[in-house]
């Protein structure tokens, strides 16, 4: 009788996997959502305040190099693969010097803003 009960319990427990696709799983977004059009607004020579206005506060600032701001967007959907985009803004002497990461650097980036 115990074997039958254990077998029935194991069968019921394995049936939970059948219902997994029916269970709603939420999307978990984290970080700064940045689009290419936001990056297109950046220009060489912008101050840190101007970059913060355009992109928002960075997810992290490098503890050993305060002139690097990291913008990371991480999306873990309930179903499907993880999506992550990175952008690093490099400052020299308090102004934007270059960009690196997953976004295309626009040609207009190299045209400084006029005061």
PDB file of N, CA and C in Angstrom:
ATOM      1  N   UNK A   1       0.822  -1.197   0.000  1.00  0.00           N
ATOM      2  CA  UNK A   1       0.000   0.000   0.000  1.00  0.00           C
ATOM      3  C   UNK A   1       0.867   1.263   0.000  1.00  0.00           C
ATOM      4  N   UNK A   2       1.976   1.209   0.742  1.00  0.00           N
ATOM      5  CA  UNK A   2       2.862   2.373   0.781  1.00  0.00           C
ATOM      6  C   UNK A   2       3.463   2.662  -0.590  1.00  0.00           C
ATOM      7  N   UNK A   3       3.792   1.619  -1.314  1.00  0.00           N
ATOM      8  CA  UNK A   3       4.377   1.800  -2.643  1.00  0.00           C
ATOM      9  C   UNK A   3       3.367   2.462  -3.571  1.00  0.00           C
ATOM     10  N   UNK A   4       2.132   2.054  -3.493  1.00  0.00           N
ATOM     11  CA  UNK A   4       1.089   2.648  -4.338  1.00  0.00           C
ATOM     12  C   UNK A   4       0.880   4.112  -3.964  1.00  0.00           C
ATOM     13  N   UNK A   5       0.874   4.416  -2.669  1.00  0.00           N
ATOM     14  CA  UNK A   5       0.715   5.803  -2.217  1.00  0.00           C
ATOM     15  C   UNK A   5       1.898   6.655  -2.679  1.00  0.00           C
ATOM     16  N   UNK A   6       3.103   6.137  -2.539  1.00  0.00           N
ATOM     17  CA  UNK A   6       4.292   6.877  -2.978  1.00  0.00           C
ATOM     18  C   UNK A   6       4.266   7.089  -4.488  1.00  0.00           C
ATOM     19  N   UNK A   7       3.862   6.077  -5.231  1.00  0.00           N
ATOM     20  CA  UNK A   7       3.772   6.200  -6.685  1.00  0.00           C
ATOM     21  C   UNK A   7       2.715   7.228  -7.078  1.00  0.00           C
ATOM     22  N   UNK A   8       1.576   7.212  -6.418  1.00  0.00           N
ATOM     23  CA  UNK A   8       0.511   8.176  -6.714  1.00  0.00           C
ATOM     24  C   UNK A   8       0.961   9.600  -6.384  1.00  0.00           C
ATOM     25  N   UNK A   9       1.648   9.756  -5.269  1.00  0.00           N
ATOM     26  CA  UNK A   9       2.145  11.081  -4.888  1.00  0.00           C
ATOM     27  C   UNK A   9       3.178  11.585  -5.903  1.00  0.00           C
ATOM     28  N   UNK A  10       4.081  10.705  -6.338  1.00  0.00           N
ATOM     29  CA  UNK A  10       5.086  11.086  -7.335  1.00  0.00           C
ATOM     30  C   UNK A  10       4.426  11.451  -8.659  1.00  0.00           C
ATOM     31  N   UNK A  11       3.395  10.737  -9.026  1.00  0.00           N
ATOM     32  CA  UNK A  11       2.665  11.029 -10.257  1.00  0.00           C
ATOM     33  C   UNK A  11       1.965  12.378 -10.163  1.00  0.00           C
ATOM     34  N   UNK A  12       1.350  12.670  -9.029  1.00  0.00           N
ATOM     35  CA  UNK A  12       0.690  13.963  -8.837  1.00  0.00           C
ATOM     36  C   UNK A  12       1.701  15.108  -8.850  1.00  0.00           C
ATOM     37  N   UNK A  13       2.842  14.889  -8.228  1.00  0.00           N
ATOM     38  CA  UNK A  13       3.872  15.925  -8.179  1.00  0.00           C
ATOM     39  C   UNK A  13       4.440  16.211  -9.567  1.00  0.00           C
ATOM     40  N   UNK A  14       4.625  15.196 -10.369  1.00  0.00           N
ATOM     41  CA  UNK A  14       5.149  15.402 -11.721  1.00  0.00           C
ATOM     42  C   UNK A  14       4.117  16.080 -12.618  1.00  0.00           C
ATOM     43  N   UNK A  15       2.860  15.976 -12.281  1.00  0.00           N
ATOM     44  CA  UNK A  15       1.810  16.633 -13.069  1.00  0.00           C
ATOM     45  C   UNK A  15       1.892  18.149 -12.952  1.00  0.00           C
ATOM     46  N   UNK A  16       2.545  18.654 -11.910  1.00  0.00           N
ATOM     47  CA  UNK A  16       2.703  20.106 -11.758  1.00  0.00           C
ATOM     48  C   UNK A  16       3.503  20.691 -12.913  1.00  0.00           C
ATOM     49  N   UNK A  17       4.428  19.922 -13.466  1.00  0.00           N
ATOM     50  CA  UNK A  17       5.239  20.401 -14.588  1.00  0.00           C
ATOM     51  C   UNK A  17       4.399  20.593 -15.839  1.00  0.00           C
ATOM     52  N   UNK A  18       3.312  19.865 -15.960  1.00  0.00           N
ATOM     53  CA  UNK A  18       2.426  20.002 -17.116  1.00  0.00           C
ATOM     54  C   UNK A  18       1.750  21.365 -17.103  1.00  0.00           C
ATOM     55  N   UNK A  19       1.468  21.897 -15.932  1.00  0.00           N
ATOM     56  CA  UNK A  19       0.754  23.162 -15.815  1.00  0.00           C
ATOM     57  C   UNK A  19       1.681  24.378 -15.799  1.00  0.00           C
ATOM     58  N   UNK A  20       2.992  24.149 -15.834  1.00  0.00           N
ATOM     59  CA  UNK A  20       3.941  25.265 -15.789  1.00  0.00           C
ATOM     60  C   UNK A  20       3.714  26.290 -16.902  1.00  0.00           C
ATOM     61  N   UNK A  21       3.478  25.900 -18.157  1.00  0.00           N
ATOM     62  CA  UNK A  21       3.234  26.904 -19.198  1.00  0.00           C
ATOM     63  C   UNK A  21       1.961  27.725 -18.959  1.00  0.00           C
ATOM     64  N   UNK A  22       1.076  27.229 -18.145  1.00  0.00           N
ATOM     65  CA  UNK A  22      -0.169  27.943 -17.878  1.00  0.00           C
ATOM     66  C   UNK A  22      -0.022  28.983 -16.777  1.00  0.00           C
ATOM     67  N   UNK A  23       1.056  28.899 -16.028  1.00  0.00           N
ATOM     68  CA  UNK A  23       1.278  29.812 -14.913  1.00  0.00           C
ATOM     69  C   UNK A  23       1.870  31.114 -15.445  1.00  0.00           C
ATOM     70  N   UNK A  24       1.287  32.239 -15.034  1.00  0.00           N
ATOM     71  CA  UNK A  24       1.773  33.548 -15.466  1.00  0.00           C
ATOM     72  C   UNK A  24       3.057  33.885 -14.729  1.00  0.00           C
ATOM     73  N   UNK A  25       4.063  34.294 -15.477  1.00  0.00           N
ATOM     74  CA  UNK A  25       5.329  34.720 -14.890  1.00  0.00           C
ATOM     75  C   UNK A  25       5.575  36.154 -15.333  1.00  0.00           C
ATOM     76  N   UNK A  26       5.880  37.018 -14.378  1.00  0.00           N
ATOM     77  CA  UNK A  26       6.036  38.431 -14.694  1.00  0.00           C
ATOM     78  C   UNK A  26       7.393  38.709 -15.340  1.00  0.00           C
ATOM     79  N   UNK A  27       7.429  39.798 -16.129  1.00  0.00           N
ATOM     80  CA  UNK A  27       8.685  40.291 -16.673  1.00  0.00           C
ATOM     81  C   UNK A  27       9.365  41.115 -15.586  1.00  0.00           C
ATOM     82  N   UNK A  28      10.661  40.979 -15.463  1.00  0.00           N
ATOM     83  CA  UNK A  28      11.404  41.706 -14.437  1.00  0.00           C
ATOM     84  C   UNK A  28      12.408  42.636 -15.118  1.00  0.00           C
ATOM     85  N   UNK A  29      12.044  43.928 -15.279  1.00  0.00           N
ATOM     86  CA  UNK A  29      13.002  44.885 -15.841  1.00  0.00           C
ATOM     87  C   UNK A  29      13.822  45.523 -14.729  1.00  0.00           C
ATOM     88  N   UNK A  30      15.093  45.752 -14.990  1.00  0.00           N
ATOM     89  CA  UNK A  30      15.964  46.394 -14.009  1.00  0.00           C
ATOM     90  C   UNK A  30      16.898  47.353 -14.729  1.00  0.00           C
ATOM     91  N   UNK A  31      17.196  48.463 -14.087  1.00  0.00           N
ATOM     92  CA  UNK A  31      18.166  49.404 -14.625  1.00  0.00           C
ATOM     93  C   UNK A  31      17.530  50.549 -15.386  1.00  0.00           C
ATOM     94  N   UNK A  32      18.326  51.169 -16.246  1.00  0.00           N
ATOM     95  CA  UNK A  32      17.902  52.317 -17.039  1.00  0.00           C
ATOM     96  C   UNK A  32      17.483  51.844 -18.424  1.00  0.00           C
ATOM     97  N   UNK A  33      16.216  52.090 -18.778  1.00  0.00           N
ATOM     98  CA  UNK A  33      15.770  51.763 -20.130  1.00  0.00           C
ATOM     99  C   UNK A  33      16.215  52.889 -21.049  1.00  0.00           C
ATOM    100  N   UNK A  34      17.118  52.595 -21.952  1.00  0.00           N
ATOM    101  CA  UNK A  34      17.666  53.592 -22.864  1.00  0.00           C
ATOM    102  C   UNK A  34      17.461  53.105 -24.286  1.00  0.00           C
ATOM    103  N   UNK A  35      17.015  54.013 -25.144  1.00  0.00           N
ATOM    104  CA  UNK A  35      16.850  53.704 -26.558  1.00  0.00           C
ATOM    105  C   UNK A  35      17.915  54.441 -27.357  1.00  0.00           C
ATOM    106  N   UNK A  36      18.055  54.066 -28.614  1.00  0.00           N
ATOM    107  CA  UNK A  36      19.048  54.702 -29.477  1.00  0.00           C
ATOM    108  C   UNK A  36      18.787  56.200 -29.598  1.00  0.00           C
ATOM    109  N   UNK A  37      17.524  56.607 -29.607  1.00  0.00           N
ATOM    110  CA  UNK A  37      17.212  58.039 -29.729  1.00  0.00           C
ATOM    111  C   UNK A  37      17.721  58.831 -28.529  1.00  0.00           C
ATOM    112  N   UNK A  38      17.814  58.209 -27.362  1.00  0.00           N
ATOM    113  CA  UNK A  38      18.395  58.878 -26.191  1.00  0.00           C
ATOM    114  C   UNK A  38      19.901  59.066 -26.380  1.00  0.00           C
ATOM    115  N   UNK A  39      20.554  58.036 -26.905  1.00  0.00           N
ATOM    116  CA  UNK A  39      21.995  58.107 -27.148  1.00  0.00           C
ATOM    117  C   UNK A  39      22.286  59.147 -28.233  1.00  0.00           C
ATOM    118  N   UNK A  40      21.381  59.271 -29.203  1.00  0.00           N
ATOM    119  CA  UNK A  40      21.559  60.247 -30.281  1.00  0.00           C
ATOM    120  C   UNK A  40      21.576  61.682 -29.767  1.00  0.00           C
ATOM    121  N   UNK A  41      21.034  61.923 -28.600  1.00  0.00           N
ATOM    122  CA  UNK A  41      20.996  63.276 -28.032  1.00  0.00           C
ATOM    123  C   UNK A  41      22.294  63.655 -27.319  1.00  0.00           C
ATOM    124  N   UNK A  42      23.172  62.696 -27.096  1.00  0.00           N
ATOM    125  CA  UNK A  42      24.434  62.977 -26.408  1.00  0.00           C
ATOM    126  C   UNK A  42      25.435  63.619 -27.363  1.00  0.00           C
ATOM    127  N   UNK A  43      26.252  64.510 -26.820  1.00  0.00           N
ATOM    128  CA  UNK A  43      27.290  65.190 -27.595  1.00  0.00           C
ATOM    129  C   UNK A  43      28.593  65.200 -26.802  1.00  0.00           C
ATOM    130  N   UNK A  44      29.680  65.188 -27.522  1.00  0.00           N
ATOM    131  CA  UNK A  44      30.986  65.301 -26.887  1.00  0.00           C
ATOM    132  C   UNK A  44      31.060  66.666 -26.203  1.00  0.00           C
ATOM    133  N   UNK A  45      31.639  66.706 -25.020  1.00  0.00           N
ATOM    134  CA  UNK A  45      31.769  67.961 -24.288  1.00  0.00           C
ATOM    135  C   UNK A  45      30.608  68.286 -23.360  1.00  0.00           C
ATOM    136  N   UNK A  46      29.572  67.428 -23.312  1.00  0.00           N
ATOM    137  CA  UNK A  46      28.454  67.671 -22.391  1.00  0.00           C
ATOM    138  C   UNK A  46      28.926  67.487 -20.952  1.00  0.00           C
ATOM    139  N   UNK A  47      28.332  68.247 -20.049  1.00  0.00           N
ATOM    140  CA  UNK A  47      28.670  68.115 -18.632  1.00  0.00           C
ATOM    141  C   UNK A  47      27.942  66.910 -18.034  1.00  0.00           C
ATOM    142  N   UNK A  48      28.339  66.537 -16.831  1.00  0.00           N
ATOM    143  CA  UNK A  48      27.688  65.417 -16.146  1.00  0.00           C
ATOM    144  C   UNK A  48      26.221  65.724 -15.874  1.00  0.00           C
ATOM    145  N   UNK A  49      25.914  66.972 -15.560  1.00  0.00           N
ATOM    146  CA  UNK A  49      24.525  67.366 -15.303  1.00  0.00           C
ATOM    147  C   UNK A  49      23.676  67.226 -16.564  1.00  0.00           C
ATOM    148  N   UNK A  50      24.232  67.579 -17.711  1.00  0.00           N
ATOM    149  CA  UNK A  50      23.497  67.456 -18.966  1.00  0.00           C
ATOM    150  C   UNK A  50      23.246  65.989 -19.310  1.00  0.00           C
ATOM    151  N   UNK A  51      24.226  65.142 -19.084  1.00  0.00           N
ATOM    152  CA  UNK A  51      24.055  63.709 -19.349  1.00  0.00           C
ATOM    153  C   UNK A  51      23.011  63.130 -18.404  1.00  0.00           C
ATOM    154  N   UNK A  52      23.043  63.537 -17.154  1.00  0.00           N
ATOM    155  CA  UNK A  52      22.053  63.059 -16.184  1.00  0.00           C
ATOM    156  C   UNK A  52      20.647  63.496 -16.598  1.00  0.00           C
ATOM    157  N   UNK A  53      20.522  64.677 -17.188  1.00  0.00           N
ATOM    158  CA  UNK A  53      19.221  65.165 -17.658  1.00  0.00           C
ATOM    159  C   UNK A  53      18.720  64.328 -18.839  1.00  0.00           C
ATOM    160  N   UNK A  54      19.619  63.961 -19.746  1.00  0.00           N
ATOM    161  CA  UNK A  54      19.233  63.211 -20.947  1.00  0.00           C
ATOM    162  C   UNK A  54      18.964  61.742 -20.631  1.00  0.00           C
ATOM    163  N   UNK A  55      19.850  61.103 -19.872  1.00  0.00           N
ATOM    164  CA  UNK A  55      19.759  59.657 -19.644  1.00  0.00           C
ATOM    165  C   UNK A  55      19.255  59.262 -18.264  1.00  0.00           C
ATOM    166  N   UNK A  56      19.245  60.181 -17.334  1.00  0.00           N
ATOM    167  CA  UNK A  56      18.898  59.842 -15.961  1.00  0.00           C
ATOM    168  C   UNK A  56      20.151  59.477 -15.186  1.00  0.00           C
ATOM    169  N   UNK A  57      19.972  59.117 -13.945  1.00  0.00           N
ATOM    170  CA  UNK A  57      21.112  58.740 -13.103  1.00  0.00           C
ATOM    171  C   UNK A  57      21.650  57.381 -13.532  1.00  0.00           C
ATOM    172  N   UNK A  58      22.957  57.207 -13.521  1.00  0.00           N
ATOM    173  CA  UNK A  58      23.516  55.913 -13.928  1.00  0.00           C
ATOM    174  C   UNK A  58      23.213  54.829 -12.904  1.00  0.00           C
ATOM    175  N   UNK A  59      23.196  53.587 -13.378  1.00  0.00           N
ATOM    176  CA  UNK A  59      23.000  52.451 -12.480  1.00  0.00           C
ATOM    177  C   UNK A  59      24.165  52.372 -11.512  1.00  0.00           C
ATOM    178  N   UNK A  60      25.358  52.610 -12.029  1.00  0.00           N
ATOM    179  CA  UNK A  60      26.526  52.595 -11.151  1.00  0.00           C
ATOM    180  C   UNK A  60      27.601  53.524 -11.693  1.00  0.00           C
ATOM    181  N   UNK A  61      28.369  54.016 -10.760  1.00  0.00           N
ATOM    182  CA  UNK A  61      29.551  54.790 -11.101  1.00  0.00           C
ATOM    183  C   UNK A  61      30.739  53.979 -10.609  1.00  0.00           C
ATOM    184  N   UNK A  62      31.766  53.929 -11.406  1.00  0.00           N
ATOM    185  CA  UNK A  62      32.939  53.145 -11.061  1.00  0.00           C
ATOM    186  C   UNK A  62      33.574  53.709  -9.792  1.00  0.00           C
ATOM    187  N   UNK A  63      33.751  52.880  -8.783  1.00  0.00           N
ATOM    188  CA  UNK A  63      34.310  53.330  -7.504  1.00  0.00           C
ATOM    189  C   UNK A  63      35.759  53.776  -7.643  1.00  0.00           C
ATOM    190  N   UNK A  64      36.471  53.177  -8.570  1.00  0.00           N
ATOM    191  CA  UNK A  64      37.882  53.505  -8.736  1.00  0.00           C
ATOM    192  C   UNK A  64      38.117  54.530  -9.836  1.00  0.00           C
ATOM    193  N   UNK A  65      37.120  54.732 -10.662  1.00  0.00           N
ATOM    194  CA  UNK A  65      37.222  55.711 -11.749  1.00  0.00           C
ATOM    195  C   UNK A  65      35.870  56.401 -11.846  1.00  0.00           C
ATOM    196  N   UNK A  66      35.734  57.501 -11.151  1.00  0.00           N
ATOM    197  CA  UNK A  66      34.452  58.209 -11.066  1.00  0.00           C
ATOM    198  C   UNK A  66      34.048  58.844 -12.387  1.00  0.00           C
ATOM    199  N   UNK A  67      34.936  58.805 -13.371  1.00  0.00           N
ATOM    200  CA  UNK A  67      34.625  59.401 -14.664  1.00  0.00           C
ATOM    201  C   UNK A  67      33.973  58.418 -15.630  1.00  0.00           C
ATOM    202  N   UNK A  68      33.573  57.258 -15.172  1.00  0.00           N
ATOM    203  CA  UNK A  68      32.845  56.288 -15.992  1.00  0.00           C
ATOM    204  C   UNK A  68      31.465  56.072 -15.390  1.00  0.00           C
ATOM    205  N   UNK A  69      30.435  56.342 -16.178  1.00  0.00           N
ATOM    206  CA  UNK A  69      29.065  56.086 -15.743  1.00  0.00           C
ATOM    207  C   UNK A  69      28.529  54.913 -16.537  1.00  0.00           C
ATOM    208  N   UNK A  70      27.931  53.953 -15.838  1.00  0.00           N
ATOM    209  CA  UNK A  70      27.420  52.748 -16.470  1.00  0.00           C
ATOM    210  C   UNK A  70      25.892  52.756 -16.444  1.00  0.00           C
ATOM    211  N   UNK A  71      25.317  52.629 -17.618  1.00  0.00           N
ATOM    212  CA  UNK A  71      23.869  52.511 -17.767  1.00  0.00           C
ATOM    213  C   UNK A  71      23.599  51.095 -18.261  1.00  0.00           C
ATOM    214  N   UNK A  72      22.891  50.333 -17.457  1.00  0.00           N
ATOM    215  CA  UNK A  72      22.620  48.935 -17.775  1.00  0.00           C
ATOM    216  C   UNK A  72      21.120  48.713 -17.720  1.00  0.00           C
ATOM    217  N   UNK A  73      20.585  48.053 -18.750  1.00  0.00           N
ATOM    218  CA  UNK A  73      19.181  47.654 -18.742  1.00  0.00           C
ATOM    219  C   UNK A  73      19.145  46.141 -18.875  1.00  0.00           C
ATOM    220  N   UNK A  74      18.464  45.497 -17.957  1.00  0.00           N
ATOM    221  CA  UNK A  74      18.388  44.039 -17.900  1.00  0.00           C
ATOM    222  C   UNK A  74      16.915  43.656 -17.811  1.00  0.00           C
ATOM    223  N   UNK A  75      16.454  42.848 -18.757  1.00  0.00           N
ATOM    224  CA  UNK A  75      15.065  42.392 -18.752  1.00  0.00           C
ATOM    225  C   UNK A  75      15.043  40.875 -18.717  1.00  0.00           C
ATOM    226  N   UNK A  76      14.408  40.349 -17.683  1.00  0.00           N
ATOM    227  CA  UNK A  76      14.215  38.906 -17.584  1.00  0.00           C
ATOM    228  C   UNK A  76      12.729  38.651 -17.792  1.00  0.00           C
ATOM    229  N   UNK A  77      12.353  38.259 -19.011  1.00  0.00           N
ATOM    230  CA  UNK A  77      10.934  38.010 -19.260  1.00  0.00           C
ATOM    231  C   UNK A  77      10.463  36.731 -18.565  1.00  0.00           C
ATOM    232  N   UNK A  78       9.171  36.684 -18.307  1.00  0.00           N
ATOM    233  CA  UNK A  78       8.608  35.487 -17.699  1.00  0.00           C
ATOM    234  C   UNK A  78       8.852  34.261 -18.558  1.00  0.00           C
ATOM    235  N   UNK A  79       8.821  34.464 -19.838  1.00  0.00           N
ATOM    236  CA  UNK A  79       9.108  33.404 -20.805  1.00  0.00           C
ATOM    237  C   UNK A  79      10.105  33.970 -21.814  1.00  0.00           C
ATOM    238  N   UNK A  80      11.034  33.194 -22.235  1.00  0.00           N
ATOM    239  CA  UNK A  80      11.981  33.661 -23.244  1.00  0.00           C
ATOM    240  C   UNK A  80      13.352  33.937 -22.668  1.00  0.00           C
ATOM    241  N   UNK A  81      14.196  34.517 -23.516  1.00  0.00           N
ATOM    242  CA  UNK A  81      15.586  34.728 -23.123  1.00  0.00           C
ATOM    243  C   UNK A  81      15.802  36.103 -22.499  1.00  0.00           C
ATOM    244  N   UNK A  82      16.860  36.222 -21.749  1.00  0.00           N
ATOM    245  CA  UNK A  82      17.213  37.461 -21.057  1.00  0.00           C
ATOM    246  C   UNK A  82      17.766  38.458 -22.070  1.00  0.00           C
ATOM    247  N   UNK A  83      17.392  39.725 -21.891  1.00  0.00           N
ATOM    248  CA  UNK A  83      17.808  40.812 -22.778  1.00  0.00           C
ATOM    249  C   UNK A  83      18.580  41.824 -21.946  1.00  0.00           C
ATOM    250  N   UNK A  84      19.772  42.200 -22.403  1.00  0.00           N
ATOM    251  CA  UNK A  84      20.566  43.178 -21.662  1.00  0.00           C
ATOM    252  C   UNK A  84      21.241  44.134 -22.630  1.00  0.00           C
ATOM    253  N   UNK A  85      21.207  45.432 -22.289  1.00  0.00           N
ATOM    254  CA  UNK A  85      21.880  46.475 -23.069  1.00  0.00           C
ATOM    255  C   UNK A  85      22.752  47.283 -22.119  1.00  0.00           C
ATOM    256  N   UNK A  86      23.945  47.643 -22.573  1.00  0.00           N
ATOM    257  CA  UNK A  86      24.895  48.400 -21.761  1.00  0.00           C
ATOM    258  C   UNK A  86      25.333  49.656 -22.498  1.00  0.00           C
ATOM    259  N   UNK A  87      25.536  50.712 -21.738  1.00  0.00           N
ATOM    260  CA  UNK A  87      26.119  51.941 -22.263  1.00  0.00           C
ATOM    261  C   UNK A  87      27.027  52.499 -21.182  1.00  0.00           C
ATOM    262  N   UNK A  88      28.249  52.821 -21.553  1.00  0.00           N
ATOM    263  CA  UNK A  88      29.179  53.459 -20.627  1.00  0.00           C
ATOM    264  C   UNK A  88      29.539  54.819 -21.195  1.00  0.00           C
ATOM    265  N   UNK A  89      29.366  55.843 -20.368  1.00  0.00           N
ATOM    266  CA  UNK A  89      29.735  57.206 -20.743  1.00  0.00           C
ATOM    267  C   UNK A  89      31.047  57.516 -20.036  1.00  0.00           C
ATOM    268  N   UNK A  90      32.052  57.854 -20.815  1.00  0.00           N
ATOM    269  CA  UNK A  90      33.381  58.157 -20.274  1.00  0.00           C
ATOM    270  C   UNK A  90      33.568  59.672 -20.257  1.00  0.00           C
ATOM    271  N   UNK A  91      33.944  60.194 -19.099  1.00  0.00           N
ATOM    272  CA  UNK A  91      34.179  61.627 -18.936  1.00  0.00           C
ATOM    273  C   UNK A  91      35.671  61.892 -18.781  1.00  0.00           C
ATOM    274  N   UNK A  92      36.101  63.029 -19.289  1.00  0.00           N
ATOM    275  CA  UNK A  92      37.450  63.528 -19.036  1.00  0.00           C
ATOM    276  C   UNK A  92      37.322  64.992 -18.670  1.00  0.00           C
ATOM    277  N   UNK A  93      37.865  65.347 -17.527  1.00  0.00           N
ATOM    278  CA  UNK A  93      37.803  66.720 -17.014  1.00  0.00           C
ATOM    279  C   UNK A  93      36.358  67.208 -16.871  1.00  0.00           C
ATOM    280  N   UNK A  94      35.465  66.308 -16.491  1.00  0.00           N
ATOM    281  CA  UNK A  94      34.082  66.674 -16.210  1.00  0.00           C
ATOM    282  C   UNK A  94      33.170  66.769 -17.416  1.00  0.00           C
ATOM    283  N   UNK A  95      33.668  66.441 -18.611  1.00  0.00           N
ATOM    284  CA  UNK A  95      32.818  66.477 -19.808  1.00  0.00           C
ATOM    285  C   UNK A  95      32.910  65.145 -20.548  1.00  0.00           C
ATOM    286  N   UNK A  96      31.914  64.864 -21.372  1.00  0.00           N
ATOM    287  CA  UNK A  96      31.854  63.603 -22.107  1.00  0.00           C
ATOM    288  C   UNK A  96      33.010  63.530 -23.101  1.00  0.00           C
ATOM    289  N   UNK A  97      33.739  62.421 -23.055  1.00  0.00           N
ATOM    290  CA  UNK A  97      34.857  62.212 -23.974  1.00  0.00           C
ATOM    291  C   UNK A  97      34.530  61.146 -25.020  1.00  0.00           C
ATOM    292  N   UNK A  98      33.848  60.071 -24.574  1.00  0.00           N
ATOM    293  CA  UNK A  98      33.499  59.000 -25.513  1.00  0.00           C
ATOM    294  C   UNK A  98      32.411  58.122 -24.919  1.00  0.00           C
ATOM    295  N   UNK A  99      31.843  57.279 -25.777  1.00  0.00           N
ATOM    296  CA  UNK A  99      30.806  56.323 -25.391  1.00  0.00           C
ATOM    297  C   UNK A  99      31.268  54.927 -25.771  1.00  0.00           C
ATOM    298  N   UNK A 100      30.818  53.947 -25.014  1.00  0.00           N
ATOM    299  CA  UNK A 100      31.068  52.555 -25.384  1.00  0.00           C
ATOM    300  C   UNK A 100      29.876  51.724 -24.934  1.00  0.00           C
ATOM    301  N   UNK A 101      29.721  50.572 -25.559  1.00  0.00           N
ATOM    302  CA  UNK A 101      28.630  49.684 -25.177  1.00  0.00           C
ATOM    303  C   UNK A 101      27.891  49.135 -26.374  1.00  0.00           C
ATOM    304  N   UNK A 102      26.614  48.822 -26.168  1.00  0.00           N
ATOM    305  CA  UNK A 102      25.800  48.151 -27.177  1.00  0.00           C
ATOM    306  C   UNK A 102      25.098  49.095 -28.144  1.00  0.00           C
ATOM    307  N   UNK A 103      25.262  50.380 -27.980  1.00  0.00           N
ATOM    308  CA  UNK A 103      24.568  51.342 -28.828  1.00  0.00           C
ATOM    309  C   UNK A 103      25.506  51.901 -29.887  1.00  0.00           C
ATOM    310  N   UNK A 104      24.924  52.323 -31.002  1.00  0.00           N
ATOM    311  CA  UNK A 104      25.680  52.945 -32.073  1.00  0.00           C
ATOM    312  C   UNK A 104      25.985  54.390 -31.694  1.00  0.00           C
ATOM    313  N   UNK A 105      27.217  54.804 -31.869  1.00  0.00           N
ATOM    314  CA  UNK A 105      27.585  56.195 -31.592  1.00  0.00           C
ATOM    315  C   UNK A 105      27.239  57.008 -32.837  1.00  0.00           C
ATOM    316  N   UNK A 106      26.320  57.983 -32.702  1.00  0.00           N
ATOM    317  CA  UNK A 106      25.908  58.757 -33.883  1.00  0.00           C
ATOM    318  C   UNK A 106      27.019  59.695 -34.349  1.00  0.00           C
ATOM    319  N   UNK A 107      26.976  60.048 -35.632  1.00  0.00           N
ATOM    320  CA  UNK A 107      27.969  60.983 -36.171  1.00  0.00           C
ATOM    321  C   UNK A 107      27.867  62.335 -35.483  1.00  0.00           C
ATOM    322  N   UNK A 108      26.661  62.731 -35.128  1.00  0.00           N
ATOM    323  CA  UNK A 108      26.450  64.033 -34.484  1.00  0.00           C
ATOM    324  C   UNK A 108      27.090  64.094 -33.097  1.00  0.00           C
ATOM    325  N   UNK A 109      27.441  62.949 -32.538  1.00  0.00           N
ATOM    326  CA  UNK A 109      28.069  62.925 -31.215  1.00  0.00           C
ATOM    327  C   UNK A 109      29.353  63.745 -31.204  1.00  0.00           C
ATOM    328  N   UNK A 110      30.069  63.718 -32.296  1.00  0.00           N
ATOM    329  CA  UNK A 110      31.366  64.390 -32.361  1.00  0.00           C
ATOM    330  C   UNK A 110      31.255  65.885 -32.647  1.00  0.00           C
ATOM    331  N   UNK A 111      30.033  66.398 -32.786  1.00  0.00           N
ATOM    332  CA  UNK A 111      29.810  67.834 -32.942  1.00  0.00           C
ATOM    333  C   UNK A 111      29.471  68.400 -31.574  1.00  0.00           C
ATOM    334  N   UNK A 112      30.369  69.210 -30.983  1.00  0.00           N
ATOM    335  CA  UNK A 112      30.087  69.725 -29.637  1.00  0.00           C
ATOM    336  C   UNK A 112      28.908  70.693 -29.625  1.00  0.00           C
ATOM    337  N   UNK A 113      28.252  70.773 -28.480  1.00  0.00           N
ATOM    338  CA  UNK A 113      27.157  71.729 -28.309  1.00  0.00           C
ATOM    339  C   UNK A 113      27.719  73.140 -28.288  1.00  0.00           C
ATOM    340  N   UNK A 114      26.968  74.058 -28.856  1.00  0.00           N
ATOM    341  CA  UNK A 114      27.388  75.458 -28.811  1.00  0.00           C
ATOM    342  C   UNK A 114      26.789  76.098 -27.578  1.00  0.00           C
ATOM    343  N   UNK A 115      27.556  76.914 -26.902  1.00  0.00           N
ATOM    344  CA  UNK A 115      27.072  77.570 -25.677  1.00  0.00           C
ATOM    345  C   UNK A 115      26.292  78.801 -26.003  1.00  0.00           C
TER     346      UNK A 115
END
